[in-house]
Amino acid sequence: MSFLVLSFLTKFEQIAKTMNNLSDTMSNLFIVCSDYAVIGSTETDLRFLTTPER
């Protein structure tokens, strides 16, 4: 009986670690995406500012 509980706990721990890694990856992706969004909007602003008015 204790072996079953132990194996369940280790399996649960592995799942928890995997979920943790996934959430880290997702937050890193989110940071990268927001960085790109900031860069993109800055480029647009620069282009808008440097374009001579017609």
PDB file of N, CA and C in Angstrom:
ATOM      1  N   MET A   1       0.822  -1.204   0.000  1.00  0.00           N
ATOM      2  CA  MET A   1       0.000   0.000   0.000  1.00  0.00           C
ATOM      3  C   MET A   1       0.861   1.260   0.000  1.00  0.00           C
ATOM      4  N   SER A   2       1.881   1.287   0.851  1.00  0.00           N
ATOM      5  CA  SER A   2       2.737   2.465   0.934  1.00  0.00           C
ATOM      6  C   SER A   2       3.512   2.655  -0.375  1.00  0.00           C
ATOM      7  N   PHE A   3       3.829   1.545  -1.046  1.00  0.00           N
ATOM      8  CA  PHE A   3       4.534   1.641  -2.321  1.00  0.00           C
ATOM      9  C   PHE A   3       3.659   2.364  -3.349  1.00  0.00           C
ATOM     10  N   LEU A   4       2.368   2.035  -3.360  1.00  0.00           N
ATOM     11  CA  LEU A   4       1.437   2.688  -4.281  1.00  0.00           C
ATOM     12  C   LEU A   4       1.387   4.185  -4.033  1.00  0.00           C
ATOM     13  N   VAL A   5       1.281   4.553  -2.759  1.00  0.00           N
ATOM     14  CA  VAL A   5       1.215   5.977  -2.412  1.00  0.00           C
ATOM     15  C   VAL A   5       2.503   6.668  -2.842  1.00  0.00           C
ATOM     16  N   LEU A   6       3.635   6.001  -2.591  1.00  0.00           N
ATOM     17  CA  LEU A   6       4.935   6.575  -2.910  1.00  0.00           C
ATOM     18  C   LEU A   6       5.069   6.793  -4.424  1.00  0.00           C
ATOM     19  N   SER A   7       4.695   5.769  -5.211  1.00  0.00           N
ATOM     20  CA  SER A   7       4.815   5.905  -6.652  1.00  0.00           C
ATOM     21  C   SER A   7       3.864   6.991  -7.174  1.00  0.00           C
ATOM     22  N   PHE A   8       2.685   7.093  -6.544  1.00  0.00           N
ATOM     23  CA  PHE A   8       1.733   8.136  -6.931  1.00  0.00           C
ATOM     24  C   PHE A   8       2.315   9.518  -6.645  1.00  0.00           C
ATOM     25  N   LEU A   9       2.975   9.643  -5.488  1.00  0.00           N
ATOM     26  CA  LEU A   9       3.554  10.930  -5.110  1.00  0.00           C
ATOM     27  C   LEU A   9       4.680  11.323  -6.058  1.00  0.00           C
ATOM     28  N   THR A  10       5.537  10.373  -6.410  1.00  0.00           N
ATOM     29  CA  THR A  10       6.634  10.713  -7.318  1.00  0.00           C
ATOM     30  C   THR A  10       6.080  11.087  -8.688  1.00  0.00           C
ATOM     31  N   LYS A  11       5.058  10.356  -9.144  1.00  0.00           N
ATOM     32  CA  LYS A  11       4.420  10.692 -10.411  1.00  0.00           C
ATOM     33  C   LYS A  11       3.817  12.086 -10.350  1.00  0.00           C
ATOM     34  N   PHE A  12       3.163  12.391  -9.235  1.00  0.00           N
ATOM     35  CA  PHE A  12       2.542  13.703  -9.045  1.00  0.00           C
ATOM     36  C   PHE A  12       3.603  14.803  -9.052  1.00  0.00           C
ATOM     37  N   GLU A  13       4.754  14.508  -8.429  1.00  0.00           N
ATOM     38  CA  GLU A  13       5.850  15.465  -8.366  1.00  0.00           C
ATOM     39  C   GLU A  13       6.382  15.749  -9.772  1.00  0.00           C
ATOM     40  N   GLN A  14       6.506  14.682 -10.580  1.00  0.00           N
ATOM     41  CA  GLN A  14       6.964  14.856 -11.957  1.00  0.00           C
ATOM     42  C   GLN A  14       5.990  15.731 -12.737  1.00  0.00           C
ATOM     43  N   ILE A  15       4.694  15.476 -12.556  1.00  0.00           N
ATOM     44  CA  ILE A  15       3.671  16.270 -13.246  1.00  0.00           C
ATOM     45  C   ILE A  15       3.761  17.722 -12.796  1.00  0.00           C
ATOM     46  N   ALA A  16       3.942  17.936 -11.491  1.00  0.00           N
ATOM     47  CA  ALA A  16       4.039  19.300 -10.958  1.00  0.00           C
ATOM     48  C   ALA A  16       5.239  20.021 -11.549  1.00  0.00           C
ATOM     49  N   LYS A  17       6.395  19.313 -11.640  1.00  0.00           N
ATOM     50  CA  LYS A  17       7.585  19.927 -12.234  1.00  0.00           C
ATOM     51  C   LYS A  17       7.334  20.281 -13.690  1.00  0.00           C
ATOM     52  N   THR A  18       6.694  19.363 -14.422  1.00  0.00           N
ATOM     53  CA  THR A  18       6.403  19.621 -15.831  1.00  0.00           C
ATOM     54  C   THR A  18       5.503  20.831 -15.979  1.00  0.00           C
ATOM     55  N   MET A  19       4.472  20.920 -15.138  1.00  0.00           N
ATOM     56  CA  MET A  19       3.561  22.063 -15.187  1.00  0.00           C
ATOM     57  C   MET A  19       4.315  23.354 -14.876  1.00  0.00           C
ATOM     58  N   ASN A  20       5.216  23.295 -13.905  1.00  0.00           N
ATOM     59  CA  ASN A  20       6.008  24.460 -13.531  1.00  0.00           C
ATOM     60  C   ASN A  20       6.867  24.909 -14.710  1.00  0.00           C
ATOM     61  N   ASN A  21       7.531  23.958 -15.377  1.00  0.00           N
ATOM     62  CA  ASN A  21       8.348  24.283 -16.541  1.00  0.00           C
ATOM     63  C   ASN A  21       7.492  24.903 -17.635  1.00  0.00           C
ATOM     64  N   LEU A  22       6.301  24.345 -17.849  1.00  0.00           N
ATOM     65  CA  LEU A  22       5.400  24.869 -18.863  1.00  0.00           C
ATOM     66  C   LEU A  22       5.012  26.306 -18.556  1.00  0.00           C
ATOM     67  N   SER A  23       4.685  26.587 -17.291  1.00  0.00           N
ATOM     68  CA  SER A  23       4.277  27.951 -16.946  1.00  0.00           C
ATOM     69  C   SER A  23       5.455  28.910 -17.101  1.00  0.00           C
ATOM     70  N   ASP A  24       6.680  28.451 -16.755  1.00  0.00           N
ATOM     71  CA  ASP A  24       7.866  29.287 -16.972  1.00  0.00           C
ATOM     72  C   ASP A  24       8.023  29.593 -18.451  1.00  0.00           C
ATOM     73  N   THR A  25       7.877  28.550 -19.281  1.00  0.00           N
ATOM     74  CA  THR A  25       8.020  28.736 -20.727  1.00  0.00           C
ATOM     75  C   THR A  25       6.974  29.708 -21.240  1.00  0.00           C
ATOM     76  N   MET A  26       5.734  29.555 -20.764  1.00  0.00           N
ATOM     77  CA  MET A  26       4.674  30.447 -21.211  1.00  0.00           C
ATOM     78  C   MET A  26       4.963  31.888 -20.812  1.00  0.00           C
ATOM     79  N   SER A  27       5.438  32.106 -19.583  1.00  0.00           N
ATOM     80  CA  SER A  27       5.709  33.485 -19.157  1.00  0.00           C
ATOM     81  C   SER A  27       6.881  34.064 -19.935  1.00  0.00           C
ATOM     82  N   ASN A  28       7.902  33.231 -20.227  1.00  0.00           N
ATOM     83  CA  ASN A  28       9.013  33.708 -21.053  1.00  0.00           C
ATOM     84  C   ASN A  28       8.523  34.093 -22.433  1.00  0.00           C
ATOM     85  N   LEU A  29       7.668  33.261 -23.038  1.00  0.00           N
ATOM     86  CA  LEU A  29       7.098  33.571 -24.349  1.00  0.00           C
ATOM     87  C   LEU A  29       6.325  34.874 -24.294  1.00  0.00           C
ATOM     88  N   PHE A  30       5.554  35.049 -23.228  1.00  0.00           N
ATOM     89  CA  PHE A  30       4.765  36.268 -23.086  1.00  0.00           C
ATOM     90  C   PHE A  30       5.679  37.491 -23.021  1.00  0.00           C
ATOM     91  N   ILE A  31       6.782  37.378 -22.251  1.00  0.00           N
ATOM     92  CA  ILE A  31       7.742  38.483 -22.135  1.00  0.00           C
ATOM     93  C   ILE A  31       8.335  38.804 -23.498  1.00  0.00           C
ATOM     94  N   VAL A  32       8.739  37.758 -24.233  1.00  0.00           N
ATOM     95  CA  VAL A  32       9.322  37.962 -25.562  1.00  0.00           C
ATOM     96  C   VAL A  32       8.312  38.643 -26.478  1.00  0.00           C
ATOM     97  N   CYS A  33       7.064  38.170 -26.465  1.00  0.00           N
ATOM     98  CA  CYS A  33       6.020  38.753 -27.321  1.00  0.00           C
ATOM     99  C   CYS A  33       5.793  40.208 -26.973  1.00  0.00           C
ATOM    100  N   SER A  34       5.737  40.538 -25.674  1.00  0.00           N
ATOM    101  CA  SER A  34       5.494  41.935 -25.297  1.00  0.00           C
ATOM    102  C   SER A  34       6.690  42.796 -25.679  1.00  0.00           C
ATOM    103  N   ASP A  35       7.923  42.239 -25.574  1.00  0.00           N
ATOM    104  CA  ASP A  35       9.101  42.981 -26.033  1.00  0.00           C
ATOM    105  C   ASP A  35       8.972  43.300 -27.513  1.00  0.00           C
ATOM    106  N   TYR A  36       8.605  42.297 -28.311  1.00  0.00           N
ATOM    107  CA  TYR A  36       8.443  42.523 -29.745  1.00  0.00           C
ATOM    108  C   TYR A  36       7.359  43.558 -30.009  1.00  0.00           C
ATOM    109  N   ALA A  37       6.284  43.517 -29.243  1.00  0.00           N
ATOM    110  CA  ALA A  37       5.203  44.488 -29.429  1.00  0.00           C
ATOM    111  C   ALA A  37       5.714  45.894 -29.144  1.00  0.00           C
ATOM    112  N   VAL A  38       6.493  46.056 -28.078  1.00  0.00           N
ATOM    113  CA  VAL A  38       7.051  47.365 -27.735  1.00  0.00           C
ATOM    114  C   VAL A  38       7.988  47.840 -28.842  1.00  0.00           C
ATOM    115  N   ILE A  39       8.870  46.938 -29.309  1.00  0.00           N
ATOM    116  CA  ILE A  39       9.798  47.298 -30.380  1.00  0.00           C
ATOM    117  C   ILE A  39       9.022  47.705 -31.628  1.00  0.00           C
ATOM    118  N   GLY A  40       8.004  46.922 -31.977  1.00  0.00           N
ATOM    119  CA  GLY A  40       7.207  47.215 -33.164  1.00  0.00           C
ATOM    120  C   GLY A  40       6.531  48.567 -33.073  1.00  0.00           C
ATOM    121  N   SER A  41       5.933  48.875 -31.919  1.00  0.00           N
ATOM    122  CA  SER A  41       5.239  50.157 -31.792  1.00  0.00           C
ATOM    123  C   SER A  41       6.242  51.305 -31.795  1.00  0.00           C
ATOM    124  N   THR A  42       7.445  51.080 -31.206  1.00  0.00           N
ATOM    125  CA  THR A  42       8.464  52.126 -31.214  1.00  0.00           C
ATOM    126  C   THR A  42       8.912  52.405 -32.650  1.00  0.00           C
ATOM    127  N   GLU A  43       9.120  51.339 -33.434  1.00  0.00           N
ATOM    128  CA  GLU A  43       9.504  51.521 -34.832  1.00  0.00           C
ATOM    129  C   GLU A  43       8.442  52.298 -35.580  1.00  0.00           C
ATOM    130  N   THR A  44       7.189  51.963 -35.342  1.00  0.00           N
ATOM    131  CA  THR A  44       6.087  52.666 -36.009  1.00  0.00           C
ATOM    132  C   THR A  44       6.102  54.138 -35.627  1.00  0.00           C
ATOM    133  N   ASP A  45       6.302  54.423 -34.334  1.00  0.00           N
ATOM    134  CA  ASP A  45       6.352  55.820 -33.879  1.00  0.00           C
ATOM    135  C   ASP A  45       7.503  56.555 -34.557  1.00  0.00           C
ATOM    136  N   LEU A  46       8.670  55.907 -34.608  1.00  0.00           N
ATOM    137  CA  LEU A  46       9.835  56.541 -35.237  1.00  0.00           C
ATOM    138  C   LEU A  46       9.548  56.831 -36.701  1.00  0.00           C
ATOM    139  N   ARG A  47       8.977  55.857 -37.387  1.00  0.00           N
ATOM    140  CA  ARG A  47       8.680  56.025 -38.803  1.00  0.00           C
ATOM    141  C   ARG A  47       7.696  57.182 -38.993  1.00  0.00           C
ATOM    142  N   PHE A  48       6.731  57.229 -38.078  1.00  0.00           N
ATOM    143  CA  PHE A  48       5.712  58.288 -38.144  1.00  0.00           C
ATOM    144  C   PHE A  48       6.357  59.655 -37.907  1.00  0.00           C
ATOM    145  N   LEU A  49       7.299  59.700 -36.945  1.00  0.00           N
ATOM    146  CA  LEU A  49       7.937  60.976 -36.600  1.00  0.00           C
ATOM    147  C   LEU A  49       8.895  61.444 -37.694  1.00  0.00           C
ATOM    148  N   THR A  50       9.603  60.493 -38.317  1.00  0.00           N
ATOM    149  CA  THR A  50      10.619  60.886 -39.301  1.00  0.00           C
ATOM    150  C   THR A  50      10.030  61.083 -40.688  1.00  0.00           C
ATOM    151  N   THR A  51       8.776  60.694 -40.901  1.00  0.00           N
ATOM    152  CA  THR A  51       8.169  60.901 -42.206  1.00  0.00           C
ATOM    153  C   THR A  51       7.827  62.385 -42.370  1.00  0.00           C
ATOM    154  N   PRO A  52       8.377  63.026 -43.410  1.00  0.00           N
ATOM    155  CA  PRO A  52       8.044  64.446 -43.607  1.00  0.00           C
ATOM    156  C   PRO A  52       6.578  64.610 -43.967  1.00  0.00           C
ATOM    157  N   GLU A  53       5.972  65.659 -43.466  1.00  0.00           N
ATOM    158  CA  GLU A  53       4.553  65.879 -43.749  1.00  0.00           C
ATOM    159  C   GLU A  53       4.366  66.302 -45.193  1.00  0.00           C
ATOM    160  N   ARG A  54       3.296  65.790 -45.794  1.00  0.00           N
ATOM    161  CA  ARG A  54       3.055  66.116 -47.199  1.00  0.00           C
ATOM    162  C   ARG A  54       2.044  67.234 -47.291  1.00  0.00           C
TER     163      ARG A  54
END
